[in-house]
C-alpha atoms as a PDB file:
ATOM      1  CA  UNK A   1     114.447  67.109 102.222  1.00  0.00           C
ATOM      2  CA  UNK A   2     111.809  69.728 103.599  1.00  0.00           C
ATOM      3  CA  UNK A   3     109.289  67.325 105.122  1.00  0.00           C
ATOM      4  CA  UNK A   4     106.415  69.228 106.779  1.00  0.00           C
ATOM      5  CA  UNK A   5     103.343  68.435 108.755  1.00  0.00           C
ATOM      6  CA  UNK A   6     101.355  70.840 106.441  1.00  0.00           C
ATOM      7  CA  UNK A   7     100.813  68.737 103.474  1.00  0.00           C
ATOM      8  CA  UNK A   8      98.192  71.101 102.029  1.00  0.00           C
ATOM      9  CA  UNK A   9      99.346  74.681 102.159  1.00  0.00           C
ATOM     10  CA  UNK A  10      96.006  75.836 100.778  1.00  0.00           C
ATOM     11  CA  UNK A  11      94.474  75.133 104.108  1.00  0.00           C
ATOM     12  CA  UNK A  12      96.232  78.261 105.507  1.00  0.00           C
ATOM     13  CA  UNK A  13      97.267  80.514 102.569  1.00  0.00           C
ATOM     14  CA  UNK A  14      95.559  81.053  99.144  1.00  0.00           C
ATOM     15  CA  UNK A  15      95.569  83.527  96.399  1.00  0.00           C
ATOM     16  CA  UNK A  16      92.205  84.477  94.545  1.00  0.00           C
ATOM     17  CA  UNK A  17      91.894  86.260  91.287  1.00  0.00           C
ATOM     18  CA  UNK A  18      88.713  88.106  90.762  1.00  0.00           C
ATOM     19  CA  UNK A  19      87.062  89.939  87.752  1.00  0.00           C
ATOM     20  CA  UNK A  20      84.681  92.702  88.743  1.00  0.00           C
ATOM     21  CA  UNK A  21      81.001  92.659  87.908  1.00  0.00           C
ATOM     22  CA  UNK A  22      79.829  95.960  89.718  1.00  0.00           C
ATOM     23  CA  UNK A  23      77.584  93.829  91.812  1.00  0.00           C
ATOM     24  CA  UNK A  24      78.089  92.123  95.151  1.00  0.00           C
ATOM     25  CA  UNK A  25      80.325  89.062  94.598  1.00  0.00           C
ATOM     26  CA  UNK A  26      80.648  86.010  96.731  1.00  0.00           C
ATOM     27  CA  UNK A  27      84.157  84.592  96.043  1.00  0.00           C
ATOM     28  CA  UNK A  28      84.609  80.815  97.029  1.00  0.00           C
ATOM     29  CA  UNK A  29      87.160  78.297  96.599  1.00  0.00           C
ATOM     30  CA  UNK A  30      89.656  79.817  99.111  1.00  0.00           C
ATOM     31  CA  UNK A  31      89.480  76.632 101.146  1.00  0.00           C
ATOM     32  CA  UNK A  32      88.934  78.334 104.482  1.00  0.00           C
ATOM     33  CA  UNK A  33      87.437  81.449 106.002  1.00  0.00           C
ATOM     34  CA  UNK A  34      90.244  84.171 105.700  1.00  0.00           C
ATOM     35  CA  UNK A  35      91.226  86.189 108.610  1.00  0.00           C
ATOM     36  CA  UNK A  36      93.344  88.489 106.734  1.00  0.00           C
ATOM     37  CA  UNK A  37      92.706  89.686 103.208  1.00  0.00           C
ATOM     38  CA  UNK A  38      95.385  91.799 101.313  1.00  0.00           C
ATOM     39  CA  UNK A  39      93.751  92.986  97.988  1.00  0.00           C
ATOM     40  CA  UNK A  40      94.934  94.871  95.089  1.00  0.00           C
ATOM     41  CA  UNK A  41      93.591  96.040  91.738  1.00  0.00           C
ATOM     42  CA  UNK A  42      95.843  94.482  88.895  1.00  0.00           C
ATOM     43  CA  UNK A  43      94.813  96.126  85.559  1.00  0.00           C
ATOM     44  CA  UNK A  44      95.080  99.823  86.920  1.00  0.00           C
ATOM     45  CA  UNK A  45      96.408 101.887  89.720  1.00  0.00           C
ATOM     46  CA  UNK A  46      94.766 101.472  93.048  1.00  0.00           C
ATOM     47  CA  UNK A  47      95.855 101.141  96.671  1.00  0.00           C
ATOM     48  CA  UNK A  48      96.727  97.856  98.465  1.00  0.00           C
ATOM     49  CA  UNK A  49      93.827  97.277 100.770  1.00  0.00           C
ATOM     50  CA  UNK A  50      94.298  95.205 104.069  1.00  0.00           C
ATOM     51  CA  UNK A  51      91.330  93.944 106.112  1.00  0.00           C
ATOM     52  CA  UNK A  52      91.342  91.426 109.066  1.00  0.00           C
ATOM     53  CA  UNK A  53      89.070  89.663 111.209  1.00  0.00           C
ATOM     54  CA  UNK A  54      90.421  91.379 114.481  1.00  0.00           C
ATOM     55  CA  UNK A  55      89.785  94.983 113.183  1.00  0.00           C
ATOM     56  CA  UNK A  56      86.677  93.983 111.402  1.00  0.00           C
ATOM     57  CA  UNK A  57      85.481  93.617 107.640  1.00  0.00           C
ATOM     58  CA  UNK A  58      84.752  97.273 107.285  1.00  0.00           C
ATOM     59  CA  UNK A  59      88.262  98.606 108.724  1.00  0.00           C
ATOM     60  CA  UNK A  60      90.928  99.068 106.014  1.00  0.00           C
ATOM     61  CA  UNK A  61      94.583  99.814 106.009  1.00  0.00           C
ATOM     62  CA  UNK A  62      96.855 100.584 102.890  1.00  0.00           C
ATOM     63  CA  UNK A  63     100.397  99.089 102.511  1.00  0.00           C
ATOM     64  CA  UNK A  64     101.614 101.720 100.069  1.00  0.00           C
ATOM     65  CA  UNK A  65     100.433 104.686 102.317  1.00  0.00           C
ATOM     66  CA  UNK A  66     101.085 106.077 105.770  1.00  0.00           C
ATOM     67  CA  UNK A  67      97.356 106.825 106.294  1.00  0.00           C
ATOM     68  CA  UNK A  68      95.472 105.872 109.423  1.00  0.00           C
ATOM     69  CA  UNK A  69      92.681 103.011 109.439  1.00  0.00           C
ATOM     70  CA  UNK A  70      89.444 104.017 107.643  1.00  0.00           C
ATOM     71  CA  UNK A  71      86.115 102.589 107.834  1.00  0.00           C
ATOM     72  CA  UNK A  72      84.229 101.580 104.608  1.00  0.00           C
ATOM     73  CA  UNK A  73      81.263  99.251 103.539  1.00  0.00           C
ATOM     74  CA  UNK A  74      82.345  99.562  99.991  1.00  0.00           C
ATOM     75  CA  UNK A  75      85.208  96.902  99.807  1.00  0.00           C
ATOM     76  CA  UNK A  76      84.208  93.638 101.507  1.00  0.00           C
ATOM     77  CA  UNK A  77      80.958  92.661 103.058  1.00  0.00           C
ATOM     78  CA  UNK A  78      81.954  89.443 104.882  1.00  0.00           C
ATOM     79  CA  UNK A  79      84.541  86.831 105.713  1.00  0.00           C
ATOM     80  CA  UNK A  80      82.889  83.599 104.490  1.00  0.00           C
ATOM     81  CA  UNK A  81      83.347  79.918 105.335  1.00  0.00           C
ATOM     82  CA  UNK A  82      85.066  79.207 101.928  1.00  0.00           C
ATOM     83  CA  UNK A  83      86.145  82.777 100.932  1.00  0.00           C
ATOM     84  CA  UNK A  84      84.674  86.260 101.270  1.00  0.00           C
ATOM     85  CA  UNK A  85      82.091  88.611  99.576  1.00  0.00           C
ATOM     86  CA  UNK A  86      83.003  91.820  97.681  1.00  0.00           C
ATOM     87  CA  UNK A  87      80.700  94.555  98.259  1.00  0.00           C
ATOM     88  CA  UNK A  88      78.437  95.959  95.349  1.00  0.00           C
ATOM     89  CA  UNK A  89      80.303  98.460  93.152  1.00  0.00           C
ATOM     90  CA  UNK A  90      83.560  98.002  95.175  1.00  0.00           C
ATOM     91  CA  UNK A  91      85.928  99.753  92.905  1.00  0.00           C
ATOM     92  CA  UNK A  92      88.585  99.593  95.714  1.00  0.00           C
ATOM     93  CA  UNK A  93      88.569  95.935  95.839  1.00  0.00           C
ATOM     94  CA  UNK A  94      88.700  95.844  91.980  1.00  0.00           C
ATOM     95  CA  UNK A  95      85.051  95.123  91.457  1.00  0.00           C
ATOM     96  CA  UNK A  96      84.096  97.594  88.864  1.00  0.00           C
ATOM     97  CA  UNK A  97      82.861  96.033  85.734  1.00  0.00           C
ATOM     98  CA  UNK A  98      85.801  94.287  83.911  1.00  0.00           C
ATOM     99  CA  UNK A  99      88.268  95.242  86.515  1.00  0.00           C
ATOM    100  CA  UNK A 100      90.879  92.573  87.691  1.00  0.00           C
ATOM    101  CA  UNK A 101      92.184  92.139  91.043  1.00  0.00           C
ATOM    102  CA  UNK A 102      94.100  89.877  93.499  1.00  0.00           C
ATOM    103  CA  UNK A 103      93.284  88.914  96.967  1.00  0.00           C
ATOM    104  CA  UNK A 104      95.946  87.100  99.056  1.00  0.00           C
ATOM    105  CA  UNK A 105      94.221  85.352 102.073  1.00  0.00           C
ATOM    106  CA  UNK A 106      95.641  83.904 105.299  1.00  0.00           C
ATOM    107  CA  UNK A 107      94.021  81.922 107.868  1.00  0.00           C
ATOM    108  CA  UNK A 108      94.417  82.839 111.591  1.00  0.00           C
ATOM    109  CA  UNK A 109      91.858  82.098 114.270  1.00  0.00           C
ATOM    110  CA  UNK A 110      88.853  84.473 113.924  1.00  0.00           C
ATOM    111  CA  UNK A 111      88.143  87.606 115.738  1.00  0.00           C
ATOM    112  CA  UNK A 112      90.819  86.784 118.517  1.00  0.00           C
ATOM    113  CA  UNK A 113      90.894  86.476 122.259  1.00  0.00           C
ATOM    114  CA  UNK A 114      92.558  88.410 125.130  1.00  0.00           C
ATOM    115  CA  UNK A 115      96.412  87.777 125.658  1.00  0.00           C
ATOM    116  CA  UNK A 116      98.053  88.849 128.771  1.00  0.00           C
ATOM    117  CA  UNK A 117     101.641  87.481 127.890  1.00  0.00           C
ATOM    118  CA  UNK A 118     103.159  90.994 127.503  1.00  0.00           C
ATOM    119  CA  UNK A 119     103.282  94.007 129.623  1.00  0.00           C
ATOM    120  CA  UNK A 120     100.579  95.424 127.226  1.00  0.00           C
ATOM    121  CA  UNK A 121      97.704  93.284 126.950  1.00  0.00           C
ATOM    122  CA  UNK A 122      96.643  92.390 123.347  1.00  0.00           C
ATOM    123  CA  UNK A 123      93.801  90.798 121.346  1.00  0.00           C
ATOM    124  CA  UNK A 124      95.241  87.926 119.425  1.00  0.00           C
ATOM    125  CA  UNK A 125      93.941  85.776 116.604  1.00  0.00           C
ATOM    126  CA  UNK A 126      96.670  82.868 116.277  1.00  0.00           C
ATOM    127  CA  UNK A 127      97.024  80.032 113.951  1.00  0.00           C
ATOM    128  CA  UNK A 128      99.812  78.130 115.793  1.00  0.00           C
ATOM    129  CA  UNK A 129      99.913  75.350 113.010  1.00  0.00           C
ATOM    130  CA  UNK A 130     100.633  77.783 110.206  1.00  0.00           C
ATOM    131  CA  UNK A 131     102.775  80.254 112.359  1.00  0.00           C
ATOM    132  CA  UNK A 132     100.491  83.361 111.838  1.00  0.00           C
ATOM    133  CA  UNK A 133      98.886  85.823 114.207  1.00  0.00           C
ATOM    134  CA  UNK A 134      97.089  88.997 114.058  1.00  0.00           C
ATOM    135  CA  UNK A 135      97.612  91.194 117.237  1.00  0.00           C
ATOM    136  CA  UNK A 136      95.789  94.449 118.251  1.00  0.00           C
ATOM    137  CA  UNK A 137      97.115  96.471 121.079  1.00  0.00           C
ATOM    138  CA  UNK A 138      97.125  99.999 122.466  1.00  0.00           C
ATOM    139  CA  UNK A 139     100.511 101.663 123.104  1.00  0.00           C
ATOM    140  CA  UNK A 140     101.956 103.090 126.041  1.00  0.00           C
ATOM    141  CA  UNK A 141     104.950 105.224 124.691  1.00  0.00           C
ATOM    142  CA  UNK A 142     107.347 103.414 127.046  1.00  0.00           C
ATOM    143  CA  UNK A 143     109.427 100.181 126.453  1.00  0.00           C
ATOM    144  CA  UNK A 144     106.989  97.192 126.381  1.00  0.00           C
ATOM    145  CA  UNK A 145     106.246  93.646 125.396  1.00  0.00           C
ATOM    146  CA  UNK A 146     103.142  92.398 123.438  1.00  0.00           C
ATOM    147  CA  UNK A 147     101.886  88.825 123.536  1.00  0.00           C
ATOM    148  CA  UNK A 148     101.710  87.352 119.926  1.00  0.00           C
ATOM    149  CA  UNK A 149     100.120  83.863 120.756  1.00  0.00           C
ATOM    150  CA  UNK A 150     102.369  81.741 118.383  1.00  0.00           C
ATOM    151  CA  UNK A 151     104.079  79.735 121.063  1.00  0.00           C
ATOM    152  CA  UNK A 152     107.175  79.912 118.900  1.00  0.00           C
ATOM    153  CA  UNK A 153     109.593  82.763 118.005  1.00  0.00           C
ATOM    154  CA  UNK A 154     108.216  84.821 115.061  1.00  0.00           C
ATOM    155  CA  UNK A 155     110.750  85.823 112.400  1.00  0.00           C
ATOM    156  CA  UNK A 156     108.754  88.642 110.993  1.00  0.00           C
ATOM    157  CA  UNK A 157     106.485  91.219 112.663  1.00  0.00           C
ATOM    158  CA  UNK A 158     104.648  94.028 110.573  1.00  0.00           C
ATOM    159  CA  UNK A 159     103.219  96.731 112.787  1.00  0.00           C
ATOM    160  CA  UNK A 160     101.111  99.703 111.794  1.00  0.00           C
ATOM    161  CA  UNK A 161      99.314 102.432 113.791  1.00  0.00           C
ATOM    162  CA  UNK A 162      95.568 102.295 113.340  1.00  0.00           C
ATOM    163  CA  UNK A 163      94.711 105.546 114.875  1.00  0.00           C
ATOM    164  CA  UNK A 164      97.421 107.893 113.461  1.00  0.00           C
ATOM    165  CA  UNK A 165      98.305 108.593 109.749  1.00  0.00           C
ATOM    166  CA  UNK A 166     100.413 110.969 107.653  1.00  0.00           C
ATOM    167  CA  UNK A 167     104.027 111.654 106.907  1.00  0.00           C
ATOM    168  CA  UNK A 168     106.262 109.458 109.021  1.00  0.00           C
ATOM    169  CA  UNK A 169     103.655 107.078 110.131  1.00  0.00           C
ATOM    170  CA  UNK A 170     105.202 104.008 108.450  1.00  0.00           C
ATOM    171  CA  UNK A 171     104.455 100.339 108.481  1.00  0.00           C
ATOM    172  CA  UNK A 172     107.352  99.122 110.526  1.00  0.00           C
ATOM    173  CA  UNK A 173     108.774  95.699 109.659  1.00  0.00           C
ATOM    174  CA  UNK A 174     110.971  93.599 111.785  1.00  0.00           C
ATOM    175  CA  UNK A 175     112.797  90.840 110.017  1.00  0.00           C
ATOM    176  CA  UNK A 176     115.182  88.403 111.755  1.00  0.00           C
ATOM    177  CA  UNK A 177     117.792  88.847 109.220  1.00  0.00           C
ATOM    178  CA  UNK A 178     117.845  92.543 109.845  1.00  0.00           C
ATOM    179  CA  UNK A 179     118.091  92.145 113.547  1.00  0.00           C
ATOM    180  CA  UNK A 180     116.213  94.046 116.456  1.00  0.00           C
ATOM    181  CA  UNK A 181     117.961  97.429 116.021  1.00  0.00           C
ATOM    182  CA  UNK A 182     116.723  97.892 112.281  1.00  0.00           C
ATOM    183  CA  UNK A 183     113.520  98.072 110.421  1.00  0.00           C
ATOM    184  CA  UNK A 184     112.257  98.572 106.849  1.00  0.00           C
ATOM    185  CA  UNK A 185     108.975 100.213 105.868  1.00  0.00           C
ATOM    186  CA  UNK A 186     106.414  98.280 103.852  1.00  0.00           C
ATOM    187  CA  UNK A 187     105.165 101.819 102.472  1.00  0.00           C
ATOM    188  CA  UNK A 188     108.631 102.953 101.449  1.00  0.00           C
ATOM    189  CA  UNK A 189     111.323 102.248  99.044  1.00  0.00           C
ATOM    190  CA  UNK A 190     113.900 103.291 101.707  1.00  0.00           C
ATOM    191  CA  UNK A 191     116.731 101.064 102.834  1.00  0.00           C
ATOM    192  CA  UNK A 192     116.972  99.412 106.097  1.00  0.00           C
ATOM    193  CA  UNK A 193     117.412 102.012 108.894  1.00  0.00           C
ATOM    194  CA  UNK A 194     118.555 101.866 112.474  1.00  0.00           C
ATOM    195  CA  UNK A 195     115.485 102.252 114.790  1.00  0.00           C
ATOM    196  CA  UNK A 196     116.480 101.208 118.224  1.00  0.00           C
ATOM    197  CA  UNK A 197     113.261 102.686 119.661  1.00  0.00           C
ATOM    198  CA  UNK A 198     111.052 100.423 117.571  1.00  0.00           C
ATOM    199  CA  UNK A 199     111.979  97.019 118.930  1.00  0.00           C
ATOM    200  CA  UNK A 200     113.900  98.201 121.962  1.00  0.00           C
ATOM    201  CA  UNK A 201     116.915  96.207 120.707  1.00  0.00           C
ATOM    202  CA  UNK A 202     115.269  93.061 121.670  1.00  0.00           C
ATOM    203  CA  UNK A 203     114.329  90.131 119.597  1.00  0.00           C
ATOM    204  CA  UNK A 204     110.905  88.307 119.856  1.00  0.00           C
ATOM    205  CA  UNK A 205     110.454  85.450 122.109  1.00  0.00           C
ATOM    206  CA  UNK A 206     108.180  82.472 121.823  1.00  0.00           C
ATOM    207  CA  UNK A 207     105.426  84.521 123.740  1.00  0.00           C
ATOM    208  CA  UNK A 208     106.035  88.254 123.150  1.00  0.00           C
ATOM    209  CA  UNK A 209     107.524  90.814 120.819  1.00  0.00           C
ATOM    210  CA  UNK A 210     109.236  93.936 122.302  1.00  0.00           C
ATOM    211  CA  UNK A 211     108.498  97.582 121.692  1.00  0.00           C
ATOM    212  CA  UNK A 212     110.513 100.741 122.200  1.00  0.00           C
ATOM    213  CA  UNK A 213     109.190 104.159 122.842  1.00  0.00           C
ATOM    214  CA  UNK A 214     108.840 105.306 119.087  1.00  0.00           C
ATOM    215  CA  UNK A 215     105.310 106.369 118.387  1.00  0.00           C
ATOM    216  CA  UNK A 216     105.176 104.527 114.980  1.00  0.00           C
ATOM    217  CA  UNK A 217     104.685 101.325 116.770  1.00  0.00           C
ATOM    218  CA  UNK A 218     104.109 102.370 120.358  1.00  0.00           C
ATOM    219  CA  UNK A 219     102.378 105.841 120.748  1.00  0.00           C
ATOM    220  CA  UNK A 220     100.842 106.443 123.986  1.00  0.00           C
ATOM    221  CA  UNK A 221      97.071 105.618 123.822  1.00  0.00           C
ATOM    222  CA  UNK A 222      97.463 104.852 120.110  1.00  0.00           C
ATOM    223  CA  UNK A 223      95.773 101.786 118.694  1.00  0.00           C
ATOM    224  CA  UNK A 224      97.854  99.359 116.645  1.00  0.00           C
ATOM    225  CA  UNK A 225      97.823  96.080 114.616  1.00  0.00           C
ATOM    226  CA  UNK A 226     100.508  93.723 114.018  1.00  0.00           C
ATOM    227  CA  UNK A 227     100.964  90.769 111.681  1.00  0.00           C
ATOM    228  CA  UNK A 228     103.406  88.087 113.085  1.00  0.00           C
ATOM    229  CA  UNK A 229     104.842  85.158 111.291  1.00  0.00           C
ATOM    230  CA  UNK A 230     106.841  82.197 112.479  1.00  0.00           C
ATOM    231  CA  UNK A 231     108.564  79.757 110.215  1.00  0.00           C
ATOM    232  CA  UNK A 232     107.096  76.342 109.371  1.00  0.00           C
ATOM    233  CA  UNK A 233     109.139  73.908 107.619  1.00  0.00           C
ATOM    234  CA  UNK A 234     107.854  73.271 103.947  1.00  0.00           C
ATOM    235  CA  UNK A 235     105.030  76.044 104.348  1.00  0.00           C
ATOM    236  CA  UNK A 236     106.839  79.433 105.071  1.00  0.00           C
ATOM    237  CA  UNK A 237     110.298  80.927 104.902  1.00  0.00           C
ATOM    238  CA  UNK A 238     111.715  84.252 105.844  1.00  0.00           C
ATOM    239  CA  UNK A 239     115.275  84.699 104.869  1.00  0.00           C
ATOM    240  CA  UNK A 240     117.886  86.636 103.050  1.00  0.00           C
ATOM    241  CA  UNK A 241     120.143  86.598 100.036  1.00  0.00           C
ATOM    242  CA  UNK A 242     122.914  88.395  98.119  1.00  0.00           C
ATOM    243  CA  UNK A 243     122.487  89.413  94.449  1.00  0.00           C
ATOM    244  CA  UNK A 244     125.252  88.313  91.860  1.00  0.00           C
ATOM    245  CA  UNK A 245     124.271  90.716  89.190  1.00  0.00           C
ATOM    246  CA  UNK A 246     123.723  88.566  86.188  1.00  0.00           C
ATOM    247  CA  UNK A 247     121.073  86.612  84.414  1.00  0.00           C
ATOM    248  CA  UNK A 248     122.180  83.286  85.964  1.00  0.00           C
ATOM    249  CA  UNK A 249     121.070  84.653  89.088  1.00  0.00           C
ATOM    250  CA  UNK A 250     121.223  83.752  92.846  1.00  0.00           C
ATOM    251  CA  UNK A 251     119.169  80.641  93.727  1.00  0.00           C
ATOM    252  CA  UNK A 252     117.343  80.788  97.089  1.00  0.00           C
ATOM    253  CA  UNK A 253     116.165  77.455  98.504  1.00  0.00           C
ATOM    254  CA  UNK A 254     112.849  77.545 100.444  1.00  0.00           C
ATOM    255  CA  UNK A 255     111.995  73.931 100.605  1.00  0.00           C
ATOM    256  CA  UNK A 256     108.816  74.459  98.896  1.00  0.00           C
ATOM    257  CA  UNK A 257     107.154  75.740  95.669  1.00  0.00           C
ATOM    258  CA  UNK A 258     106.394  79.281  96.460  1.00  0.00           C
ATOM    259  CA  UNK A 259     102.892  80.569  96.256  1.00  0.00           C
ATOM    260  CA  UNK A 260     103.548  83.986  97.566  1.00  0.00           C
ATOM    261  CA  UNK A 261     107.056  85.722  97.417  1.00  0.00           C
ATOM    262  CA  UNK A 262     107.699  89.256  98.735  1.00  0.00           C
ATOM    263  CA  UNK A 263     111.235  90.668  98.442  1.00  0.00           C
ATOM    264  CA  UNK A 264     112.874  93.907  99.612  1.00  0.00           C
ATOM    265  CA  UNK A 265     116.531  95.323  98.901  1.00  0.00           C
ATOM    266  CA  UNK A 266     117.745  96.499 102.342  1.00  0.00           C
ATOM    267  CA  UNK A 267     121.141  98.243 101.576  1.00  0.00           C
ATOM    268  CA  UNK A 268     119.761 100.837  99.147  1.00  0.00           C
ATOM    269  CA  UNK A 269     116.527 102.245  98.193  1.00  0.00           C
ATOM    270  CA  UNK A 270     114.389 100.055  96.118  1.00  0.00           C
ATOM    271  CA  UNK A 271     110.806  99.001  95.608  1.00  0.00           C
ATOM    272  CA  UNK A 272     109.366  95.964  97.197  1.00  0.00           C
ATOM    273  CA  UNK A 273     108.476  93.186  94.833  1.00  0.00           C
ATOM    274  CA  UNK A 274     105.418  90.802  95.420  1.00  0.00           C
ATOM    275  CA  UNK A 275     104.804  87.665  93.364  1.00  0.00           C
ATOM    276  CA  UNK A 276     102.380  84.720  93.372  1.00  0.00           C
ATOM    277  CA  UNK A 277     101.750  81.702  91.589  1.00  0.00           C
ATOM    278  CA  UNK A 278      98.223  82.523  90.269  1.00  0.00           C
ATOM    279  CA  UNK A 279      98.671  85.720  88.183  1.00  0.00           C
ATOM    280  CA  UNK A 280      99.663  85.834  84.593  1.00  0.00           C
ATOM    281  CA  UNK A 281     103.232  84.969  83.761  1.00  0.00           C
ATOM    282  CA  UNK A 282     105.571  81.982  83.957  1.00  0.00           C
ATOM    283  CA  UNK A 283     109.274  81.549  84.243  1.00  0.00           C
ATOM    284  CA  UNK A 284     110.871  83.821  83.554  1.00  0.00           C
ATOM    285  CA  UNK A 285     108.085  86.374  83.140  1.00  0.00           C
ATOM    286  CA  UNK A 286     106.170  86.369  86.437  1.00  0.00           C
ATOM    287  CA  UNK A 287     104.095  89.453  86.922  1.00  0.00           C
ATOM    288  CA  UNK A 288     104.774  91.506  89.893  1.00  0.00           C
ATOM    289  CA  UNK A 289     103.015  94.243  92.213  1.00  0.00           C
ATOM    290  CA  UNK A 290     104.748  96.779  94.514  1.00  0.00           C
ATOM    291  CA  UNK A 291     103.478  96.823  98.059  1.00  0.00           C
ATOM    292  CA  UNK A 292     104.902 100.311  98.376  1.00  0.00           C
ATOM    293  CA  UNK A 293     102.982 102.006  95.548  1.00  0.00           C
ATOM    294  CA  UNK A 294      99.639 101.867  93.959  1.00  0.00           C
ATOM    295  CA  UNK A 295     100.769 100.924  90.310  1.00  0.00           C
ATOM    296  CA  UNK A 296      99.155  98.425  88.117  1.00  0.00           C
ATOM    297  CA  UNK A 297     100.457  95.062  87.709  1.00  0.00           C
ATOM    298  CA  UNK A 298     103.915  94.859  85.928  1.00  0.00           C
ATOM    299  CA  UNK A 299     105.306  91.882  84.132  1.00  0.00           C
ATOM    300  CA  UNK A 300     107.560  90.618  81.227  1.00  0.00           C
ATOM    301  CA  UNK A 301     110.902  91.752  82.919  1.00  0.00           C
ATOM    302  CA  UNK A 302     112.271  88.237  83.297  1.00  0.00           C
ATOM    303  CA  UNK A 303     113.031  88.964  86.983  1.00  0.00           C
ATOM    304  CA  UNK A 304     112.790  85.474  88.391  1.00  0.00           C
ATOM    305  CA  UNK A 305     111.819  81.805  88.186  1.00  0.00           C
ATOM    306  CA  UNK A 306     109.463  80.187  90.849  1.00  0.00           C
ATOM    307  CA  UNK A 307     110.689  76.755  91.235  1.00  0.00           C
ATOM    308  CA  UNK A 308     109.746  73.536  93.110  1.00  0.00           C
ATOM    309  CA  UNK A 309     112.019  74.077  95.907  1.00  0.00           C
ATOM    310  CA  UNK A 310     112.614  77.914  95.931  1.00  0.00           C
ATOM    311  CA  UNK A 311     113.160  80.689  93.487  1.00  0.00           C
ATOM    312  CA  UNK A 312     116.031  82.024  91.167  1.00  0.00           C
ATOM    313  CA  UNK A 313     116.637  85.555  90.238  1.00  0.00           C
ATOM    314  CA  UNK A 314     117.150  86.094  86.445  1.00  0.00           C
ATOM    315  CA  UNK A 315     118.140  89.716  85.861  1.00  0.00           C
ATOM    316  CA  UNK A 316     120.570  92.187  87.179  1.00  0.00           C
ATOM    317  CA  UNK A 317     117.988  94.625  88.641  1.00  0.00           C
ATOM    318  CA  UNK A 318     118.086  97.117  91.671  1.00  0.00           C
ATOM    319  CA  UNK A 319     115.133  95.673  93.214  1.00  0.00           C
ATOM    320  CA  UNK A 320     116.185  92.027  92.816  1.00  0.00           C
ATOM    321  CA  UNK A 321     119.715  91.139  91.916  1.00  0.00           C
ATOM    322  CA  UNK A 322     122.478  93.607  92.170  1.00  0.00           C
ATOM    323  CA  UNK A 323     125.870  92.174  92.625  1.00  0.00           C
ATOM    324  CA  UNK A 324     126.679  92.218  96.404  1.00  0.00           C
ATOM    325  CA  UNK A 325     123.394  93.801  97.362  1.00  0.00           C
ATOM    326  CA  UNK A 326     121.451  92.499 100.400  1.00  0.00           C
ATOM    327  CA  UNK A 327     117.850  91.415 100.038  1.00  0.00           C
ATOM    328  CA  UNK A 328     115.171  89.935 102.489  1.00  0.00           C
ATOM    329  CA  UNK A 329     112.111  88.020 101.668  1.00  0.00           C
ATOM    330  CA  UNK A 330     109.004  86.225 102.785  1.00  0.00           C
ATOM    331  CA  UNK A 331     107.684  83.253 101.116  1.00  0.00           C
ATOM    332  CA  UNK A 332     104.691  81.007 101.664  1.00  0.00           C
ATOM    333  CA  UNK A 333     104.094  77.602  99.928  1.00  0.00           C
ATOM    334  CA  UNK A 334     101.938  76.282  97.124  1.00  0.00           C
ATOM    335  CA  UNK A 335     103.149  72.778  98.032  1.00  0.00           C
ATOM    336  CA  UNK A 336     106.132  71.356 100.177  1.00  0.00           C
ATOM    337  CA  UNK A 337     109.009  69.958  98.319  1.00  0.00           C
ATOM    338  CA  UNK A 338     108.193  66.629 100.160  1.00  0.00           C
ATOM    339  CA  UNK A 339     105.525  66.154 102.665  1.00  0.00           C
ATOM    340  CA  UNK A 340     104.996  63.636 105.392  1.00  0.00           C
ATOM    341  CA  UNK A 341     102.859  61.818 102.631  1.00  0.00           C
ATOM    342  CA  UNK A 342     106.147  61.463 100.684  1.00  0.00           C
ATOM    343  CA  UNK A 343     104.509  63.091  97.697  1.00  0.00           C
ATOM    344  CA  UNK A 344     106.946  65.347  96.017  1.00  0.00           C
ATOM    345  CA  UNK A 345     105.959  68.599  94.210  1.00  0.00           C
ATOM    346  CA  UNK A 346     106.988  69.525  90.770  1.00  0.00           C
ATOM    347  CA  UNK A 347     107.627  73.010  89.199  1.00  0.00           C
ATOM    348  CA  UNK A 348     104.887  74.493  87.171  1.00  0.00           C
END
């Protein structure tokens, strides 16, 4: 049984759905002050827009593009004690009249503080309870380490240049099941690729993650942001599975009912898939978005079930369940299967 000390997952991660008004909109009910907001318009095309408390509420990045960080007051106005405020007329945040959007919210630890654990000093906003930190650093162009503040080994690191953009300036994703000589790119459909100069062939430790000399993650004098995730029983899970290619698809045990699930095929080209427990659709018709493109929300493809203790694929699709294909995933909980309060969760 997946007992956990995090009995209320919503204290650290939550999904909010919004409908635009064209006016400034205070969104409440998140349950905490978010330190990372990942927003996406649902009803039409629009870039995935990522904001965090370390870079500041006006500093945006886009998961589906290789562009550098940009500054805008036209998306969000503030991180608030129980949510956030969307700026007036913020079409980019899906706040045009009648537009629908989703905002995925994580709690770190505010604007961050200095960390000198690595050979590169960093600014770190770390939530050690939930295993999530936001890390800002300046590259050296040489092999280095960066402190992440989690106190345990992260299983996933997503790193991005803030200062440089354009072709080849990818979002580098380290995942424990790909190993320290490989990466996938959040903005790309490409398969996993060997990139020894990203992570210096070295896995993260309880205090630092390692960087090689590649400019995508460590350009000399370039500025970077990294999102680091450590697994917490009953709250988060970062793993892999192998597809079986039929409608009675692979079952993946997470130990909780997923509230957020992101999947990527790694042995061949394929879109990333992103699901949550708040948007339209129920088993088997959960709606999805693709972090690597700006497309509107898709659904009705009978891709998977979100269950009380994990998820199950339901179609022989390139992006989720090809026979013998390899997939990685990131998942965060709606509720643990069984918490320390001995209260079991149920499937929806």
